[in-house]
Amino acid sequence: KLIYGKGLTANDANKNPNEYAMMKMLFSKDTLRKITKDLKLLGEFNLQLIYNDRKDKIVRVEHLPTNLVRSEKCNKDGLVEAIYYCDNWQDTKKFQPKRIPLFGYGTKGDKLEVLRVGNYTIGQKYYSNVDYLGGLGYSALEEEITNYLINEVQNGFSGTKVVNFNNGVPTEEQQ
């Protein structure tokens, strides 16, 4: 909710009111909420750009769930031209993946393209890393500490160490 804020706006909305109104019509509040969540949790988001019949104007923009998208292998120039969308990647025989061209790679017959936006990540060609990647190790450490302390409380703070004196009572100095 905090990332979404007050929604989408433009710095030049007063100078270009018609373009601003068209932009607001293209992006629903639900779409904006979903793409902000995808960007934060998954490091990228995908938008479906839906064109008119002549493919000279975008008439609608919708969210495409990032967890259901896979990249196509890159071309000879090292660029990804399309993605594959599938409702269930565990059962691709029942749910056939659909190839959708990325923005700028569609043909005249394609009324749908996908705009993929993500964080730049060095050494990653197909997907972006999440911005909280550096904190994941510390999160795992916190989880282990939590599990240890919960176990201690549930077992009544039972002793985990035993000190045994085999030769009777130690001297006062040893104690």
N, C-alpha and C. Protein backbone atom coordinates (compact mmCIF):
# COMPACT_ATOMS: atom_id res chain seq x y z
N LYS A 1 0.82 -1.19 0.00
CA LYS A 1 0.00 0.00 0.00
C LYS A 1 0.86 1.25 0.00
N LEU A 2 1.98 1.20 0.71
CA LEU A 2 2.84 2.38 0.78
C LEU A 2 3.58 2.61 -0.53
N ILE A 3 3.94 1.55 -1.23
CA ILE A 3 4.63 1.72 -2.51
C ILE A 3 3.66 2.30 -3.54
N TYR A 4 2.44 1.82 -3.56
CA TYR A 4 1.43 2.31 -4.49
C TYR A 4 1.13 3.78 -4.24
N GLY A 5 1.07 4.16 -2.98
CA GLY A 5 0.82 5.56 -2.62
C GLY A 5 -0.52 6.05 -3.13
N LYS A 6 -0.48 7.19 -3.82
CA LYS A 6 -1.70 7.79 -4.36
C LYS A 6 -1.93 7.41 -5.82
N GLY A 7 -1.19 6.44 -6.30
CA GLY A 7 -1.40 5.97 -7.66
C GLY A 7 -0.43 6.60 -8.64
N LEU A 8 -0.82 6.62 -9.91
CA LEU A 8 0.02 7.09 -11.00
C LEU A 8 -0.26 8.56 -11.27
N THR A 9 0.80 9.31 -11.46
CA THR A 9 0.67 10.73 -11.79
C THR A 9 1.78 11.09 -12.77
N ALA A 10 1.78 12.33 -13.22
CA ALA A 10 2.79 12.82 -14.16
C ALA A 10 3.20 14.23 -13.76
N ASN A 11 4.48 14.53 -13.94
CA ASN A 11 4.98 15.86 -13.60
C ASN A 11 4.43 16.94 -14.52
N ASP A 12 4.12 16.58 -15.75
CA ASP A 12 3.62 17.56 -16.71
C ASP A 12 2.13 17.40 -17.00
N ALA A 13 1.39 16.95 -16.01
CA ALA A 13 -0.05 16.73 -16.20
C ALA A 13 -0.77 18.02 -16.56
N ASN A 14 -0.35 19.14 -16.00
CA ASN A 14 -1.00 20.43 -16.31
C ASN A 14 -0.68 20.89 -17.73
N LYS A 15 0.51 20.57 -18.22
CA LYS A 15 0.92 21.01 -19.56
C LYS A 15 0.29 20.14 -20.64
N ASN A 16 0.09 18.87 -20.34
CA ASN A 16 -0.46 17.92 -21.33
C ASN A 16 -1.67 17.19 -20.74
N PRO A 17 -2.78 17.88 -20.55
CA PRO A 17 -3.93 17.25 -19.89
C PRO A 17 -4.55 16.11 -20.70
N ASN A 18 -4.53 16.21 -22.03
CA ASN A 18 -5.12 15.14 -22.85
C ASN A 18 -4.32 13.85 -22.72
N GLU A 19 -2.98 13.94 -22.80
CA GLU A 19 -2.13 12.77 -22.68
C GLU A 19 -2.23 12.17 -21.27
N TYR A 20 -2.33 13.05 -20.29
CA TYR A 20 -2.47 12.60 -18.91
C TYR A 20 -3.78 11.82 -18.73
N ALA A 21 -4.86 12.32 -19.29
CA ALA A 21 -6.15 11.65 -19.19
C ALA A 21 -6.12 10.30 -19.90
N MET A 22 -5.43 10.23 -21.06
CA MET A 22 -5.32 8.96 -21.78
C MET A 22 -4.52 7.95 -20.96
N MET A 23 -3.44 8.41 -20.31
CA MET A 23 -2.64 7.53 -19.48
C MET A 23 -3.46 6.98 -18.31
N LYS A 24 -4.23 7.84 -17.67
CA LYS A 24 -5.07 7.41 -16.55
C LYS A 24 -6.12 6.40 -17.00
N MET A 25 -6.60 6.52 -18.23
CA MET A 25 -7.58 5.57 -18.75
C MET A 25 -6.95 4.20 -19.04
N LEU A 26 -5.69 4.20 -19.44
CA LEU A 26 -5.02 2.93 -19.79
C LEU A 26 -4.73 2.07 -18.57
N PHE A 27 -4.37 2.68 -17.45
CA PHE A 27 -3.94 1.95 -16.26
C PHE A 27 -5.01 2.01 -15.18
N SER A 28 -5.61 0.86 -14.86
CA SER A 28 -6.58 0.83 -13.76
C SER A 28 -5.84 0.81 -12.43
N LYS A 29 -6.52 1.17 -11.37
CA LYS A 29 -5.90 1.14 -10.04
C LYS A 29 -5.50 -0.27 -9.65
N ASP A 30 -6.30 -1.24 -10.04
CA ASP A 30 -5.99 -2.64 -9.75
C ASP A 30 -4.71 -3.07 -10.45
N THR A 31 -4.54 -2.68 -11.70
CA THR A 31 -3.33 -3.00 -12.45
C THR A 31 -2.11 -2.38 -11.78
N LEU A 32 -2.21 -1.13 -11.37
CA LEU A 32 -1.09 -0.45 -10.72
C LEU A 32 -0.73 -1.11 -9.40
N ARG A 33 -1.72 -1.51 -8.63
CA ARG A 33 -1.44 -2.19 -7.35
C ARG A 33 -0.71 -3.52 -7.59
N LYS A 34 -1.15 -4.25 -8.60
CA LYS A 34 -0.53 -5.54 -8.89
C LYS A 34 0.90 -5.39 -9.39
N ILE A 35 1.17 -4.40 -10.25
CA ILE A 35 2.53 -4.27 -10.76
C ILE A 35 3.48 -3.75 -9.68
N THR A 36 2.99 -2.92 -8.76
CA THR A 36 3.87 -2.48 -7.68
C THR A 36 4.20 -3.65 -6.75
N LYS A 37 3.24 -4.52 -6.52
CA LYS A 37 3.51 -5.70 -5.68
C LYS A 37 4.48 -6.65 -6.37
N ASP A 38 4.30 -6.90 -7.66
CA ASP A 38 5.23 -7.75 -8.41
C ASP A 38 6.64 -7.17 -8.39
N LEU A 39 6.75 -5.87 -8.59
CA LEU A 39 8.08 -5.25 -8.62
C LEU A 39 8.78 -5.40 -7.28
N LYS A 40 8.05 -5.21 -6.20
CA LYS A 40 8.68 -5.31 -4.87
C LYS A 40 9.00 -6.75 -4.50
N LEU A 41 8.06 -7.65 -4.71
CA LEU A 41 8.26 -9.03 -4.27
C LEU A 41 9.09 -9.87 -5.24
N LEU A 42 8.99 -9.59 -6.55
CA LEU A 42 9.64 -10.44 -7.54
C LEU A 42 10.74 -9.74 -8.33
N GLY A 43 10.90 -8.43 -8.16
CA GLY A 43 11.97 -7.70 -8.83
C GLY A 43 11.65 -7.25 -10.24
N GLU A 44 10.47 -7.55 -10.74
CA GLU A 44 10.06 -7.13 -12.08
C GLU A 44 8.55 -7.26 -12.21
N PHE A 45 8.01 -6.65 -13.28
CA PHE A 45 6.58 -6.82 -13.57
C PHE A 45 6.39 -6.87 -15.08
N ASN A 46 5.24 -7.39 -15.49
CA ASN A 46 4.91 -7.53 -16.91
C ASN A 46 3.56 -6.88 -17.18
N LEU A 47 3.53 -6.08 -18.25
CA LEU A 47 2.29 -5.43 -18.66
C LEU A 47 1.88 -5.96 -20.03
N GLN A 48 0.61 -6.31 -20.17
CA GLN A 48 0.06 -6.67 -21.47
C GLN A 48 -0.39 -5.39 -22.17
N LEU A 49 0.18 -5.13 -23.32
CA LEU A 49 -0.22 -3.97 -24.11
C LEU A 49 -1.18 -4.46 -25.19
N ILE A 50 -2.42 -4.02 -25.12
CA ILE A 50 -3.45 -4.49 -26.04
C ILE A 50 -3.71 -3.38 -27.05
N TYR A 51 -3.50 -3.71 -28.33
CA TYR A 51 -3.61 -2.73 -29.41
C TYR A 51 -4.98 -2.77 -30.07
N ASN A 52 -5.28 -1.70 -30.81
CA ASN A 52 -6.50 -1.68 -31.62
C ASN A 52 -6.28 -2.55 -32.86
N ASP A 53 -7.28 -2.64 -33.74
CA ASP A 53 -7.20 -3.52 -34.91
C ASP A 53 -6.09 -3.10 -35.88
N ARG A 54 -5.84 -1.80 -36.01
CA ARG A 54 -4.79 -1.33 -36.93
C ARG A 54 -3.40 -1.38 -36.29
N LYS A 55 -3.34 -1.67 -35.01
CA LYS A 55 -2.10 -1.73 -34.23
C LYS A 55 -1.32 -0.41 -34.30
N ASP A 56 -2.06 0.69 -34.24
CA ASP A 56 -1.40 1.98 -34.21
C ASP A 56 -1.64 2.71 -32.89
N LYS A 57 -2.40 2.04 -31.97
CA LYS A 57 -2.70 2.68 -30.70
C LYS A 57 -2.94 1.61 -29.63
N ILE A 58 -2.40 1.84 -28.45
CA ILE A 58 -2.66 0.94 -27.32
C ILE A 58 -3.99 1.35 -26.71
N VAL A 59 -4.91 0.40 -26.61
CA VAL A 59 -6.25 0.71 -26.10
C VAL A 59 -6.43 0.29 -24.64
N ARG A 60 -5.59 -0.65 -24.18
CA ARG A 60 -5.73 -1.11 -22.80
C ARG A 60 -4.39 -1.68 -22.32
N VAL A 61 -4.12 -1.53 -21.05
CA VAL A 61 -2.93 -2.10 -20.43
C VAL A 61 -3.38 -2.93 -19.23
N GLU A 62 -2.93 -4.19 -19.18
CA GLU A 62 -3.31 -5.06 -18.08
C GLU A 62 -2.08 -5.71 -17.46
N HIS A 63 -2.23 -6.12 -16.24
CA HIS A 63 -1.16 -6.82 -15.51
C HIS A 63 -1.08 -8.27 -15.98
N LEU A 64 0.14 -8.77 -16.13
CA LEU A 64 0.38 -10.17 -16.44
C LEU A 64 1.17 -10.74 -15.28
N PRO A 65 0.63 -11.71 -14.53
CA PRO A 65 1.31 -12.21 -13.33
C PRO A 65 2.73 -12.71 -13.65
N THR A 66 3.71 -12.15 -12.99
CA THR A 66 5.11 -12.46 -13.24
C THR A 66 5.43 -13.91 -12.91
N ASN A 67 4.78 -14.47 -11.91
CA ASN A 67 5.06 -15.86 -11.53
C ASN A 67 4.58 -16.86 -12.58
N LEU A 68 3.78 -16.44 -13.53
CA LEU A 68 3.29 -17.33 -14.58
C LEU A 68 3.99 -17.10 -15.92
N VAL A 69 5.07 -16.32 -15.92
CA VAL A 69 5.78 -15.95 -17.14
C VAL A 69 7.18 -16.53 -17.13
N ARG A 70 7.62 -17.03 -18.30
CA ARG A 70 8.99 -17.51 -18.48
C ARG A 70 9.56 -16.86 -19.73
N SER A 71 10.84 -16.55 -19.71
CA SER A 71 11.49 -15.93 -20.86
C SER A 71 11.81 -16.95 -21.93
N GLU A 72 11.72 -16.49 -23.16
CA GLU A 72 12.19 -17.27 -24.30
C GLU A 72 13.72 -17.15 -24.34
N LYS A 73 14.38 -18.12 -24.96
CA LYS A 73 15.83 -18.01 -25.13
C LYS A 73 16.15 -16.80 -26.00
N CYS A 74 17.29 -16.18 -25.72
CA CYS A 74 17.64 -14.97 -26.46
C CYS A 74 18.04 -15.29 -27.89
N ASN A 75 17.94 -14.28 -28.76
CA ASN A 75 18.28 -14.46 -30.17
C ASN A 75 19.80 -14.37 -30.35
N LYS A 76 20.26 -14.38 -31.61
CA LYS A 76 21.70 -14.36 -31.89
C LYS A 76 22.37 -13.08 -31.41
N ASP A 77 21.58 -12.00 -31.23
CA ASP A 77 22.13 -10.73 -30.74
C ASP A 77 22.11 -10.64 -29.22
N GLY A 78 21.60 -11.68 -28.56
CA GLY A 78 21.54 -11.68 -27.10
C GLY A 78 20.32 -11.01 -26.52
N LEU A 79 19.30 -10.80 -27.33
CA LEU A 79 18.07 -10.13 -26.88
C LEU A 79 16.92 -11.12 -26.79
N VAL A 80 16.11 -10.97 -25.77
CA VAL A 80 14.92 -11.80 -25.60
C VAL A 80 13.79 -11.15 -26.39
N GLU A 81 13.16 -11.92 -27.28
CA GLU A 81 12.11 -11.38 -28.14
C GLU A 81 10.70 -11.68 -27.66
N ALA A 82 10.55 -12.69 -26.79
CA ALA A 82 9.21 -13.09 -26.37
C ALA A 82 9.25 -13.75 -25.00
N ILE A 83 8.08 -13.90 -24.44
CA ILE A 83 7.91 -14.63 -23.19
C ILE A 83 6.89 -15.73 -23.43
N TYR A 84 6.82 -16.67 -22.51
CA TYR A 84 5.78 -17.70 -22.53
C TYR A 84 4.94 -17.55 -21.28
N TYR A 85 3.64 -17.62 -21.47
CA TYR A 85 2.69 -17.52 -20.37
C TYR A 85 1.96 -18.85 -20.22
N CYS A 86 1.84 -19.33 -18.98
CA CYS A 86 1.11 -20.56 -18.72
C CYS A 86 0.42 -20.45 -17.36
N ASP A 87 -0.83 -20.88 -17.29
CA ASP A 87 -1.57 -20.83 -16.02
C ASP A 87 -1.06 -21.82 -15.00
N ASN A 88 -0.43 -22.91 -15.45
CA ASN A 88 0.09 -23.92 -14.52
C ASN A 88 1.34 -24.54 -15.14
N TRP A 89 2.50 -24.12 -14.69
CA TRP A 89 3.76 -24.62 -15.24
C TRP A 89 4.06 -26.04 -14.77
N GLN A 90 3.31 -26.56 -13.81
CA GLN A 90 3.48 -27.94 -13.36
C GLN A 90 2.83 -28.93 -14.32
N ASP A 91 1.84 -28.47 -15.07
CA ASP A 91 1.11 -29.34 -15.99
C ASP A 91 0.99 -28.65 -17.36
N THR A 92 2.10 -28.61 -18.11
CA THR A 92 2.10 -27.90 -19.39
C THR A 92 1.41 -28.67 -20.50
N LYS A 93 1.09 -29.94 -20.26
CA LYS A 93 0.33 -30.69 -21.27
C LYS A 93 -1.13 -30.27 -21.24
N LYS A 94 -1.64 -30.08 -20.05
CA LYS A 94 -3.03 -29.64 -19.92
C LYS A 94 -3.17 -28.14 -20.17
N PHE A 95 -2.21 -27.36 -19.67
CA PHE A 95 -2.21 -25.91 -19.83
C PHE A 95 -1.05 -25.54 -20.76
N GLN A 96 -1.33 -25.43 -22.03
CA GLN A 96 -0.31 -25.18 -23.05
C GLN A 96 0.27 -23.77 -22.90
N PRO A 97 1.59 -23.61 -22.78
CA PRO A 97 2.18 -22.27 -22.71
C PRO A 97 1.93 -21.49 -24.00
N LYS A 98 1.67 -20.20 -23.85
CA LYS A 98 1.38 -19.33 -25.00
C LYS A 98 2.54 -18.37 -25.19
N ARG A 99 3.05 -18.28 -26.41
CA ARG A 99 4.13 -17.36 -26.73
C ARG A 99 3.56 -15.98 -27.00
N ILE A 100 4.11 -14.96 -26.32
CA ILE A 100 3.67 -13.58 -26.51
C ILE A 100 4.92 -12.74 -26.78
N PRO A 101 4.94 -11.98 -27.88
CA PRO A 101 6.12 -11.16 -28.18
C PRO A 101 6.29 -10.02 -27.18
N LEU A 102 7.53 -9.68 -26.91
CA LEU A 102 7.82 -8.53 -26.07
C LEU A 102 7.61 -7.25 -26.87
N PHE A 103 7.48 -6.13 -26.17
CA PHE A 103 7.24 -4.84 -26.79
C PHE A 103 8.33 -4.54 -27.83
N GLY A 104 7.88 -4.25 -29.06
CA GLY A 104 8.81 -3.94 -30.14
C GLY A 104 9.16 -5.11 -31.01
N TYR A 105 8.79 -6.33 -30.61
CA TYR A 105 9.11 -7.52 -31.39
C TYR A 105 7.88 -8.16 -32.02
N GLY A 106 6.72 -7.57 -31.83
CA GLY A 106 5.51 -8.13 -32.42
C GLY A 106 5.39 -7.79 -33.89
N THR A 107 4.56 -8.54 -34.59
CA THR A 107 4.29 -8.29 -36.00
C THR A 107 2.99 -7.52 -36.12
N LYS A 108 2.63 -7.16 -37.34
CA LYS A 108 1.37 -6.42 -37.56
C LYS A 108 0.15 -7.20 -37.11
N GLY A 109 0.23 -8.54 -37.16
CA GLY A 109 -0.90 -9.36 -36.77
C GLY A 109 -1.07 -9.53 -35.27
N ASP A 110 -0.03 -9.20 -34.50
CA ASP A 110 -0.09 -9.35 -33.04
C ASP A 110 -0.81 -8.15 -32.42
N LYS A 111 -1.93 -8.41 -31.77
CA LYS A 111 -2.65 -7.34 -31.09
C LYS A 111 -2.26 -7.26 -29.62
N LEU A 112 -1.31 -8.10 -29.23
CA LEU A 112 -0.89 -8.16 -27.83
C LEU A 112 0.64 -8.24 -27.78
N GLU A 113 1.23 -7.38 -26.98
CA GLU A 113 2.66 -7.43 -26.69
C GLU A 113 2.83 -7.29 -25.19
N VAL A 114 3.99 -7.69 -24.70
CA VAL A 114 4.26 -7.59 -23.27
C VAL A 114 5.43 -6.65 -23.05
N LEU A 115 5.24 -5.72 -22.14
CA LEU A 115 6.31 -4.83 -21.71
C LEU A 115 6.81 -5.34 -20.37
N ARG A 116 8.07 -5.73 -20.35
CA ARG A 116 8.68 -6.29 -19.13
C ARG A 116 9.57 -5.21 -18.52
N VAL A 117 9.35 -4.92 -17.25
CA VAL A 117 10.12 -3.91 -16.54
C VAL A 117 10.70 -4.54 -15.29
N GLY A 118 12.02 -4.36 -15.09
CA GLY A 118 12.66 -4.94 -13.92
C GLY A 118 13.88 -4.17 -13.49
N ASN A 119 14.39 -4.52 -12.33
CA ASN A 119 15.62 -3.92 -11.82
C ASN A 119 16.80 -4.43 -12.64
N TYR A 120 17.72 -3.54 -12.96
CA TYR A 120 18.92 -3.97 -13.67
C TYR A 120 19.77 -4.80 -12.72
N THR A 121 20.19 -5.98 -13.18
CA THR A 121 21.01 -6.87 -12.38
C THR A 121 22.19 -7.32 -13.22
N ILE A 122 23.37 -7.07 -12.72
CA ILE A 122 24.59 -7.45 -13.44
C ILE A 122 24.65 -8.97 -13.55
N GLY A 123 24.93 -9.45 -14.74
CA GLY A 123 25.09 -10.88 -14.96
C GLY A 123 23.79 -11.65 -15.12
N GLN A 124 22.67 -10.99 -15.06
CA GLN A 124 21.38 -11.66 -15.22
C GLN A 124 20.81 -11.24 -16.57
N LYS A 125 20.59 -12.19 -17.44
CA LYS A 125 20.06 -11.88 -18.77
C LYS A 125 18.54 -11.98 -18.82
N TYR A 126 18.00 -12.95 -18.11
CA TYR A 126 16.57 -13.23 -18.27
C TYR A 126 15.68 -12.65 -17.17
N TYR A 127 16.16 -12.61 -15.96
CA TYR A 127 15.32 -12.17 -14.84
C TYR A 127 16.09 -11.20 -13.95
N SER A 128 15.36 -10.43 -13.16
CA SER A 128 15.96 -9.47 -12.24
C SER A 128 16.00 -10.04 -10.84
N ASN A 129 16.99 -9.62 -10.08
CA ASN A 129 17.03 -9.96 -8.66
C ASN A 129 16.13 -9.01 -7.89
N VAL A 130 15.62 -9.47 -6.77
CA VAL A 130 14.81 -8.61 -5.91
C VAL A 130 15.74 -7.66 -5.16
N ASP A 131 15.23 -6.51 -4.75
CA ASP A 131 16.09 -5.53 -4.09
C ASP A 131 16.44 -5.91 -2.66
N TYR A 132 15.75 -6.87 -2.08
CA TYR A 132 16.02 -7.29 -0.71
C TYR A 132 16.87 -8.56 -0.66
N LEU A 133 17.53 -8.91 -1.75
CA LEU A 133 18.31 -10.14 -1.84
C LEU A 133 19.39 -10.20 -0.76
N GLY A 134 20.04 -9.08 -0.48
CA GLY A 134 21.10 -9.06 0.52
C GLY A 134 20.62 -9.36 1.93
N GLY A 135 19.36 -9.16 2.20
CA GLY A 135 18.83 -9.40 3.54
C GLY A 135 18.27 -10.79 3.76
N LEU A 136 18.23 -11.63 2.73
CA LEU A 136 17.62 -12.95 2.87
C LEU A 136 18.39 -13.86 3.83
N GLY A 137 19.72 -13.76 3.83
CA GLY A 137 20.52 -14.56 4.76
C GLY A 137 20.23 -14.20 6.20
N TYR A 138 20.10 -12.91 6.47
CA TYR A 138 19.77 -12.46 7.82
C TYR A 138 18.36 -12.89 8.23
N SER A 139 17.46 -12.93 7.26
CA SER A 139 16.10 -13.41 7.56
C SER A 139 16.13 -14.88 7.95
N ALA A 140 16.94 -15.68 7.26
CA ALA A 140 17.07 -17.10 7.60
C ALA A 140 17.68 -17.26 9.00
N LEU A 141 18.66 -16.42 9.32
CA LEU A 141 19.27 -16.45 10.66
C LEU A 141 18.25 -16.11 11.73
N GLU A 142 17.45 -15.08 11.50
CA GLU A 142 16.40 -14.70 12.46
C GLU A 142 15.40 -15.84 12.65
N GLU A 143 15.08 -16.54 11.58
CA GLU A 143 14.14 -17.66 11.68
C GLU A 143 14.72 -18.77 12.56
N GLU A 144 16.00 -19.09 12.38
CA GLU A 144 16.63 -20.13 13.19
C GLU A 144 16.69 -19.74 14.66
N ILE A 145 17.01 -18.48 14.95
CA ILE A 145 17.04 -18.01 16.34
C ILE A 145 15.64 -18.09 16.95
N THR A 146 14.65 -17.70 16.18
CA THR A 146 13.26 -17.77 16.65
C THR A 146 12.86 -19.21 16.97
N ASN A 147 13.18 -20.13 16.08
CA ASN A 147 12.84 -21.54 16.30
C ASN A 147 13.55 -22.08 17.54
N TYR A 148 14.79 -21.70 17.75
CA TYR A 148 15.55 -22.14 18.93
C TYR A 148 14.88 -21.63 20.20
N LEU A 149 14.55 -20.34 20.24
CA LEU A 149 13.95 -19.76 21.45
C LEU A 149 12.56 -20.32 21.72
N ILE A 150 11.77 -20.54 20.68
CA ILE A 150 10.45 -21.15 20.88
C ILE A 150 10.61 -22.56 21.45
N ASN A 151 11.55 -23.31 20.95
CA ASN A 151 11.82 -24.65 21.46
C ASN A 151 12.22 -24.60 22.94
N GLU A 152 13.04 -23.64 23.32
CA GLU A 152 13.44 -23.48 24.72
C GLU A 152 12.22 -23.23 25.61
N VAL A 153 11.35 -22.34 25.20
CA VAL A 153 10.16 -22.01 25.99
C VAL A 153 9.23 -23.21 26.08
N GLN A 154 9.01 -23.90 24.99
CA GLN A 154 8.10 -25.04 24.98
C GLN A 154 8.62 -26.21 25.80
N ASN A 155 9.91 -26.31 25.96
CA ASN A 155 10.50 -27.40 26.75
C ASN A 155 10.87 -26.95 28.16
N GLY A 156 10.28 -25.87 28.59
CA GLY A 156 10.42 -25.42 29.98
C GLY A 156 11.84 -25.01 30.36
N PHE A 157 12.57 -24.43 29.44
CA PHE A 157 13.93 -23.99 29.69
C PHE A 157 14.77 -25.12 30.30
N SER A 158 14.62 -26.31 29.77
CA SER A 158 15.36 -27.45 30.30
C SER A 158 16.85 -27.27 30.03
N GLY A 159 17.66 -27.79 30.91
CA GLY A 159 19.10 -27.65 30.79
C GLY A 159 19.63 -28.36 29.56
N THR A 160 20.60 -27.75 28.93
CA THR A 160 21.20 -28.37 27.75
C THR A 160 22.63 -28.81 28.02
N LYS A 161 23.14 -28.46 29.20
CA LYS A 161 24.51 -28.85 29.57
C LYS A 161 24.46 -29.52 30.95
N VAL A 162 25.32 -30.51 31.12
CA VAL A 162 25.43 -31.20 32.40
C VAL A 162 26.90 -31.14 32.83
N VAL A 163 27.14 -30.71 34.07
CA VAL A 163 28.49 -30.70 34.62
C VAL A 163 28.57 -31.87 35.58
N ASN A 164 29.48 -32.77 35.31
CA ASN A 164 29.60 -33.99 36.10
C ASN A 164 30.99 -34.02 36.76
N PHE A 165 31.01 -34.28 38.07
CA PHE A 165 32.27 -34.44 38.82
C PHE A 165 32.40 -35.91 39.19
N ASN A 166 33.33 -36.58 38.58
CA ASN A 166 33.48 -38.01 38.79
C ASN A 166 34.11 -38.35 40.14
N ASN A 167 34.90 -37.50 40.74
CA ASN A 167 35.60 -37.80 41.98
C ASN A 167 34.99 -37.09 43.20
N GLY A 168 33.73 -36.99 43.25
CA GLY A 168 33.10 -36.39 44.41
C GLY A 168 32.97 -34.89 44.26
N VAL A 169 32.94 -34.21 45.42
CA VAL A 169 32.72 -32.78 45.49
C VAL A 169 34.05 -32.08 45.22
N PRO A 170 34.08 -31.06 44.31
CA PRO A 170 35.35 -30.35 44.06
C PRO A 170 35.72 -29.44 45.22
N THR A 171 36.95 -29.00 45.24
CA THR A 171 37.40 -28.08 46.30
C THR A 171 36.69 -26.75 46.10
N GLU A 172 36.78 -25.91 47.17
CA GLU A 172 36.11 -24.61 47.10
C GLU A 172 36.69 -23.75 45.98
N GLU A 173 37.99 -23.83 45.70
CA GLU A 173 38.61 -23.07 44.65
C GLU A 173 38.12 -23.51 43.28
N GLN A 174 37.97 -24.83 43.08
CA GLN A 174 37.47 -25.33 41.80
C GLN A 174 36.01 -24.93 41.57
N GLN A 175 35.25 -24.89 42.66
CA GLN A 175 33.86 -24.49 42.52
C GLN A 175 33.78 -23.04 42.08
